[in-house]
Amino acid sequence: MWIMLSDAFLSIVAAEYPDELLVRARAKGDIERVFPRAKVVYTPCGDYHYRANISKHWVASTIADTIMEIDYPNFKNSVVEEDRHHAYLGCWAEMVRFQEGRAPRKKFHQRKAKKLQKPLIKGA
């Protein structure tokens, strides 16, 4: 699961132990910003350079609390760091393209509607 917060980007996946989750980050300080007591390990050869095993309960309650604290009407405008804003905007743009690729085509629906309007019996 990817979680984009105004001040942190986290990737959360299953950990080795069933009562824990592996919380990963690309930027130094992102995990600590959300989970201040987490024991973060630097993994320079890993896909994500920063990792911490955190209890599922702590992750769930912290993310739930974060959701309850949302006070902005526009997420993108809540991101202050310029490089983070730029990265999030790139993801937002890709998801717009994804959405457009899945959106029903207007022309397809227009053709289908015209076919339904044709009389079923010739000469009618």
N, C-alpha and C. Protein backbone atom coordinates (compact mmCIF):
# COMPACT_ATOMS: atom_id res chain seq x y z
N MET A 1 0.85 -1.17 0.00
CA MET A 1 0.00 0.00 0.00
C MET A 1 0.89 1.23 0.00
N TRP A 2 0.59 2.13 -0.90
CA TRP A 2 1.29 3.41 -0.89
C TRP A 2 0.44 4.43 -0.16
N ILE A 3 1.07 5.20 0.67
CA ILE A 3 0.39 6.28 1.37
C ILE A 3 1.16 7.56 1.13
N MET A 4 0.49 8.51 0.51
CA MET A 4 1.08 9.82 0.25
C MET A 4 0.49 10.80 1.25
N LEU A 5 1.30 11.25 2.15
CA LEU A 5 0.91 12.27 3.11
C LEU A 5 1.51 13.59 2.67
N SER A 6 1.05 14.67 3.23
CA SER A 6 1.58 15.98 2.86
C SER A 6 3.08 16.08 3.10
N ASP A 7 3.58 15.33 4.08
CA ASP A 7 5.00 15.44 4.44
C ASP A 7 5.73 14.10 4.47
N ALA A 8 5.14 13.05 3.90
CA ALA A 8 5.80 11.74 3.90
C ALA A 8 5.16 10.84 2.85
N PHE A 9 6.00 10.01 2.24
CA PHE A 9 5.53 8.98 1.32
C PHE A 9 5.95 7.64 1.91
N LEU A 10 4.98 6.75 2.11
CA LEU A 10 5.27 5.45 2.71
C LEU A 10 4.77 4.33 1.83
N SER A 11 5.50 3.24 1.82
CA SER A 11 5.06 2.00 1.21
C SER A 11 4.94 1.00 2.36
N ILE A 12 3.77 0.40 2.49
CA ILE A 12 3.53 -0.50 3.62
C ILE A 12 3.16 -1.87 3.07
N VAL A 13 3.93 -2.87 3.47
CA VAL A 13 3.73 -4.25 3.00
C VAL A 13 3.83 -5.22 4.17
N ALA A 14 3.50 -6.47 3.91
CA ALA A 14 3.61 -7.50 4.94
C ALA A 14 5.06 -7.64 5.40
N ALA A 15 5.22 -7.93 6.66
CA ALA A 15 6.55 -8.16 7.23
C ALA A 15 6.73 -9.65 7.50
N GLU A 16 7.88 -9.99 8.03
CA GLU A 16 8.18 -11.39 8.32
C GLU A 16 7.23 -11.97 9.36
N TYR A 17 6.86 -11.16 10.35
CA TYR A 17 5.98 -11.63 11.42
C TYR A 17 4.56 -11.13 11.17
N PRO A 18 3.55 -11.97 11.40
CA PRO A 18 2.17 -11.62 11.05
C PRO A 18 1.58 -10.42 11.79
N ASP A 19 2.14 -10.06 12.95
CA ASP A 19 1.61 -8.92 13.70
C ASP A 19 2.34 -7.61 13.37
N GLU A 20 3.23 -7.66 12.37
CA GLU A 20 3.99 -6.47 11.97
C GLU A 20 3.80 -6.16 10.50
N LEU A 21 4.09 -4.91 10.16
CA LEU A 21 4.14 -4.48 8.77
C LEU A 21 5.51 -3.88 8.51
N LEU A 22 5.96 -3.99 7.28
CA LEU A 22 7.21 -3.36 6.88
C LEU A 22 6.86 -2.02 6.26
N VAL A 23 7.28 -0.95 6.93
CA VAL A 23 7.02 0.40 6.45
C VAL A 23 8.30 0.88 5.79
N ARG A 24 8.17 1.29 4.53
CA ARG A 24 9.34 1.70 3.76
C ARG A 24 9.18 3.14 3.27
N ALA A 25 10.30 3.80 3.06
CA ALA A 25 10.27 5.18 2.58
C ALA A 25 11.46 5.42 1.66
N ARG A 26 11.31 6.38 0.78
CA ARG A 26 12.39 6.75 -0.13
C ARG A 26 13.20 7.93 0.40
N ALA A 27 12.58 8.72 1.26
CA ALA A 27 13.26 9.91 1.78
C ALA A 27 13.57 9.75 3.27
N LYS A 28 14.75 10.18 3.64
CA LYS A 28 15.16 10.13 5.04
C LYS A 28 14.20 11.00 5.88
N GLY A 29 13.75 10.43 6.98
CA GLY A 29 12.89 11.18 7.89
C GLY A 29 11.40 10.95 7.69
N ASP A 30 11.00 10.39 6.55
CA ASP A 30 9.57 10.19 6.30
C ASP A 30 8.95 9.22 7.31
N ILE A 31 9.61 8.11 7.58
CA ILE A 31 9.06 7.14 8.53
C ILE A 31 9.00 7.76 9.93
N GLU A 32 10.07 8.40 10.34
CA GLU A 32 10.14 9.00 11.68
C GLU A 32 9.11 10.12 11.85
N ARG A 33 8.79 10.82 10.77
CA ARG A 33 7.81 11.89 10.83
C ARG A 33 6.43 11.33 11.20
N VAL A 34 6.13 10.13 10.72
CA VAL A 34 4.83 9.51 10.97
C VAL A 34 4.87 8.60 12.20
N PHE A 35 5.99 7.91 12.36
CA PHE A 35 6.18 6.95 13.48
C PHE A 35 7.45 7.35 14.24
N PRO A 36 7.35 8.34 15.12
CA PRO A 36 8.54 8.91 15.77
C PRO A 36 9.42 7.92 16.53
N ARG A 37 8.86 6.87 17.08
CA ARG A 37 9.66 5.91 17.88
C ARG A 37 10.15 4.72 17.05
N ALA A 38 9.90 4.74 15.77
CA ALA A 38 10.28 3.59 14.92
C ALA A 38 11.80 3.46 14.84
N LYS A 39 12.24 2.22 14.77
CA LYS A 39 13.67 1.93 14.58
C LYS A 39 13.90 1.76 13.08
N VAL A 40 14.34 2.83 12.45
CA VAL A 40 14.51 2.84 11.00
C VAL A 40 15.89 2.32 10.63
N VAL A 41 15.92 1.48 9.63
CA VAL A 41 17.18 0.91 9.12
C VAL A 41 17.42 1.49 7.74
N TYR A 42 18.66 1.93 7.51
CA TYR A 42 19.07 2.45 6.21
C TYR A 42 19.55 1.28 5.35
N THR A 43 18.93 1.12 4.18
CA THR A 43 19.28 0.01 3.28
C THR A 43 19.62 0.59 1.91
N PRO A 44 20.86 1.04 1.71
CA PRO A 44 21.23 1.72 0.47
C PRO A 44 21.10 0.87 -0.79
N CYS A 45 21.12 -0.43 -0.67
CA CYS A 45 21.00 -1.30 -1.85
C CYS A 45 19.55 -1.73 -2.10
N GLY A 46 18.65 -1.36 -1.21
CA GLY A 46 17.25 -1.74 -1.36
C GLY A 46 16.50 -0.79 -2.25
N ASP A 47 15.35 -1.24 -2.74
CA ASP A 47 14.49 -0.40 -3.55
C ASP A 47 14.08 0.84 -2.77
N TYR A 48 13.71 0.64 -1.51
CA TYR A 48 13.42 1.75 -0.59
C TYR A 48 14.59 1.81 0.38
N HIS A 49 15.20 2.98 0.53
CA HIS A 49 16.40 3.09 1.36
C HIS A 49 16.14 3.05 2.86
N TYR A 50 14.89 3.31 3.26
CA TYR A 50 14.59 3.37 4.69
C TYR A 50 13.45 2.40 5.00
N ARG A 51 13.64 1.62 6.07
CA ARG A 51 12.68 0.57 6.42
C ARG A 51 12.54 0.45 7.92
N ALA A 52 11.34 0.05 8.33
CA ALA A 52 11.10 -0.20 9.76
C ALA A 52 9.98 -1.23 9.89
N ASN A 53 10.19 -2.19 10.76
CA ASN A 53 9.13 -3.14 11.12
C ASN A 53 8.32 -2.51 12.24
N ILE A 54 7.02 -2.38 11.99
CA ILE A 54 6.14 -1.69 12.95
C ILE A 54 4.89 -2.54 13.15
N SER A 55 4.38 -2.57 14.37
CA SER A 55 3.20 -3.39 14.65
C SER A 55 2.02 -2.90 13.80
N LYS A 56 1.21 -3.87 13.38
CA LYS A 56 0.03 -3.54 12.58
C LYS A 56 -0.88 -2.57 13.33
N HIS A 57 -1.01 -2.79 14.64
CA HIS A 57 -1.87 -1.92 15.44
C HIS A 57 -1.38 -0.48 15.41
N TRP A 58 -0.09 -0.27 15.58
CA TRP A 58 0.47 1.08 15.57
C TRP A 58 0.27 1.73 14.20
N VAL A 59 0.54 0.97 13.14
CA VAL A 59 0.35 1.51 11.78
C VAL A 59 -1.11 1.89 11.58
N ALA A 60 -2.02 0.98 11.89
CA ALA A 60 -3.44 1.23 11.67
C ALA A 60 -3.94 2.43 12.47
N SER A 61 -3.59 2.50 13.74
CA SER A 61 -4.08 3.60 14.56
C SER A 61 -3.49 4.94 14.14
N THR A 62 -2.22 4.94 13.75
CA THR A 62 -1.57 6.18 13.32
C THR A 62 -2.16 6.68 12.01
N ILE A 63 -2.36 5.78 11.06
CA ILE A 63 -2.95 6.20 9.77
C ILE A 63 -4.38 6.66 9.98
N ALA A 64 -5.14 5.97 10.83
CA ALA A 64 -6.51 6.40 11.13
C ALA A 64 -6.52 7.79 11.76
N ASP A 65 -5.62 8.04 12.70
CA ASP A 65 -5.54 9.36 13.33
C ASP A 65 -5.19 10.43 12.30
N THR A 66 -4.28 10.09 11.40
CA THR A 66 -3.87 11.03 10.36
C THR A 66 -5.06 11.39 9.47
N ILE A 67 -5.87 10.41 9.13
CA ILE A 67 -7.06 10.65 8.32
C ILE A 67 -8.02 11.58 9.06
N MET A 68 -8.20 11.35 10.33
CA MET A 68 -9.12 12.18 11.12
C MET A 68 -8.65 13.63 11.24
N GLU A 69 -7.36 13.87 11.02
CA GLU A 69 -6.80 15.22 11.13
C GLU A 69 -6.78 15.99 9.81
N ILE A 70 -7.26 15.39 8.73
CA ILE A 70 -7.24 16.08 7.43
C ILE A 70 -8.07 17.36 7.54
N ASP A 71 -7.45 18.49 7.15
CA ASP A 71 -8.13 19.78 7.21
C ASP A 71 -7.97 20.60 5.93
N TYR A 72 -7.47 19.98 4.88
CA TYR A 72 -7.24 20.70 3.64
C TYR A 72 -8.30 20.30 2.60
N PRO A 73 -8.69 21.26 1.73
CA PRO A 73 -9.64 20.94 0.67
C PRO A 73 -8.98 20.40 -0.60
N ASN A 74 -7.65 20.55 -0.69
CA ASN A 74 -6.92 20.09 -1.88
C ASN A 74 -5.60 19.49 -1.41
N PHE A 75 -5.42 18.19 -1.63
CA PHE A 75 -4.22 17.52 -1.14
C PHE A 75 -2.95 18.09 -1.75
N LYS A 76 -2.93 18.25 -3.08
CA LYS A 76 -1.69 18.72 -3.74
C LYS A 76 -1.23 20.06 -3.16
N ASN A 77 -2.17 20.94 -2.84
CA ASN A 77 -1.79 22.24 -2.28
C ASN A 77 -1.30 22.14 -0.84
N SER A 78 -1.50 21.00 -0.19
CA SER A 78 -1.05 20.83 1.19
C SER A 78 0.42 20.41 1.27
N VAL A 79 1.02 20.06 0.13
CA VAL A 79 2.40 19.58 0.09
C VAL A 79 3.33 20.79 -0.06
N VAL A 80 4.14 21.04 0.96
CA VAL A 80 4.97 22.23 1.01
C VAL A 80 6.32 22.03 0.31
N GLU A 81 6.94 20.86 0.51
CA GLU A 81 8.26 20.61 -0.07
C GLU A 81 8.15 20.57 -1.60
N GLU A 82 8.96 21.38 -2.27
CA GLU A 82 8.87 21.50 -3.72
C GLU A 82 9.15 20.18 -4.44
N ASP A 83 10.20 19.46 -4.03
CA ASP A 83 10.53 18.21 -4.72
C ASP A 83 9.47 17.14 -4.47
N ARG A 84 8.90 17.10 -3.28
CA ARG A 84 7.83 16.14 -2.98
C ARG A 84 6.58 16.50 -3.78
N HIS A 85 6.25 17.79 -3.84
CA HIS A 85 5.10 18.25 -4.61
C HIS A 85 5.26 17.85 -6.08
N HIS A 86 6.44 18.04 -6.61
CA HIS A 86 6.71 17.69 -8.01
C HIS A 86 6.55 16.18 -8.23
N ALA A 87 7.05 15.38 -7.32
CA ALA A 87 6.92 13.92 -7.43
C ALA A 87 5.46 13.50 -7.35
N TYR A 88 4.72 14.06 -6.41
CA TYR A 88 3.30 13.73 -6.27
C TYR A 88 2.51 14.17 -7.50
N LEU A 89 2.86 15.32 -8.04
CA LEU A 89 2.17 15.82 -9.24
C LEU A 89 2.40 14.87 -10.41
N GLY A 90 3.61 14.31 -10.50
CA GLY A 90 3.89 13.32 -11.54
C GLY A 90 3.01 12.09 -11.39
N CYS A 91 2.85 11.63 -10.16
CA CYS A 91 1.97 10.48 -9.89
C CYS A 91 0.53 10.84 -10.21
N TRP A 92 0.11 12.03 -9.82
CA TRP A 92 -1.26 12.49 -10.10
C TRP A 92 -1.51 12.50 -11.61
N ALA A 93 -0.54 13.01 -12.38
CA ALA A 93 -0.68 13.08 -13.84
C ALA A 93 -0.78 11.68 -14.45
N GLU A 94 0.02 10.76 -13.95
CA GLU A 94 -0.04 9.37 -14.45
C GLU A 94 -1.40 8.74 -14.14
N MET A 95 -1.95 9.03 -12.97
CA MET A 95 -3.25 8.48 -12.62
C MET A 95 -4.36 9.11 -13.46
N VAL A 96 -4.21 10.37 -13.85
CA VAL A 96 -5.17 10.98 -14.78
C VAL A 96 -5.14 10.23 -16.10
N ARG A 97 -3.94 9.95 -16.61
CA ARG A 97 -3.83 9.19 -17.86
C ARG A 97 -4.43 7.79 -17.70
N PHE A 98 -4.21 7.17 -16.56
CA PHE A 98 -4.79 5.86 -16.27
C PHE A 98 -6.32 5.94 -16.30
N GLN A 99 -6.84 6.97 -15.65
CA GLN A 99 -8.30 7.18 -15.62
C GLN A 99 -8.84 7.37 -17.03
N GLU A 100 -8.18 8.20 -17.82
CA GLU A 100 -8.65 8.47 -19.18
C GLU A 100 -8.60 7.21 -20.03
N GLY A 101 -7.62 6.37 -19.79
CA GLY A 101 -7.52 5.13 -20.54
C GLY A 101 -8.63 4.15 -20.20
N ARG A 102 -9.19 4.28 -19.02
CA ARG A 102 -10.28 3.38 -18.59
C ARG A 102 -11.65 3.99 -18.78
N ALA A 103 -11.72 5.27 -19.06
CA ALA A 103 -13.01 5.94 -19.20
C ALA A 103 -13.73 5.44 -20.44
N PRO A 104 -15.04 5.25 -20.35
CA PRO A 104 -15.80 4.84 -21.53
C PRO A 104 -15.66 5.89 -22.62
N ARG A 105 -15.53 5.44 -23.82
CA ARG A 105 -15.40 6.35 -24.96
C ARG A 105 -16.77 6.88 -25.35
N LYS A 106 -16.86 8.19 -25.48
CA LYS A 106 -18.13 8.83 -25.81
C LYS A 106 -18.64 8.33 -27.17
N LYS A 107 -17.76 8.23 -28.15
CA LYS A 107 -18.17 7.81 -29.48
C LYS A 107 -18.76 6.40 -29.45
N PHE A 108 -18.18 5.52 -28.63
CA PHE A 108 -18.68 4.16 -28.51
C PHE A 108 -20.13 4.20 -28.01
N HIS A 109 -20.37 5.00 -27.00
CA HIS A 109 -21.72 5.09 -26.43
C HIS A 109 -22.69 5.72 -27.42
N GLN A 110 -22.22 6.68 -28.19
CA GLN A 110 -23.09 7.30 -29.19
C GLN A 110 -23.48 6.29 -30.26
N ARG A 111 -22.52 5.47 -30.74
CA ARG A 111 -22.82 4.45 -31.75
C ARG A 111 -23.82 3.44 -31.20
N LYS A 112 -23.60 3.02 -29.96
CA LYS A 112 -24.49 2.04 -29.35
C LYS A 112 -25.91 2.62 -29.22
N ALA A 113 -26.03 3.88 -28.85
CA ALA A 113 -27.35 4.52 -28.71
C ALA A 113 -28.05 4.60 -30.06
N LYS A 114 -27.31 4.91 -31.12
CA LYS A 114 -27.91 4.98 -32.46
C LYS A 114 -28.43 3.62 -32.89
N LYS A 115 -27.68 2.56 -32.61
CA LYS A 115 -28.12 1.21 -32.96
C LYS A 115 -29.42 0.86 -32.24
N LEU A 116 -29.56 1.31 -31.00
CA LEU A 116 -30.77 1.01 -30.24
C LEU A 116 -31.97 1.79 -30.77
N GLN A 117 -31.72 2.92 -31.43
CA GLN A 117 -32.81 3.73 -31.95
C GLN A 117 -33.34 3.20 -33.28
N LYS A 118 -32.62 2.34 -33.98
CA LYS A 118 -33.05 1.81 -35.25
C LYS A 118 -34.27 0.91 -35.04
N PRO A 119 -35.23 0.96 -35.98
CA PRO A 119 -36.39 0.09 -35.85
C PRO A 119 -35.99 -1.37 -36.01
N LEU A 120 -36.68 -2.24 -35.27
CA LEU A 120 -36.36 -3.66 -35.32
C LEU A 120 -36.89 -4.32 -36.61
N ILE A 121 -37.95 -3.79 -37.20
CA ILE A 121 -38.54 -4.37 -38.40
C ILE A 121 -38.28 -3.45 -39.57
N LYS A 122 -37.79 -3.99 -40.68
CA LYS A 122 -37.53 -3.17 -41.86
C LYS A 122 -38.83 -2.56 -42.34
N GLY A 123 -38.75 -1.30 -42.74
CA GLY A 123 -39.90 -0.61 -43.27
C GLY A 123 -40.80 -0.03 -42.19
N ALA A 124 -40.48 -0.24 -40.96
CA ALA A 124 -41.34 0.30 -39.89
C ALA A 124 -40.97 1.71 -39.57
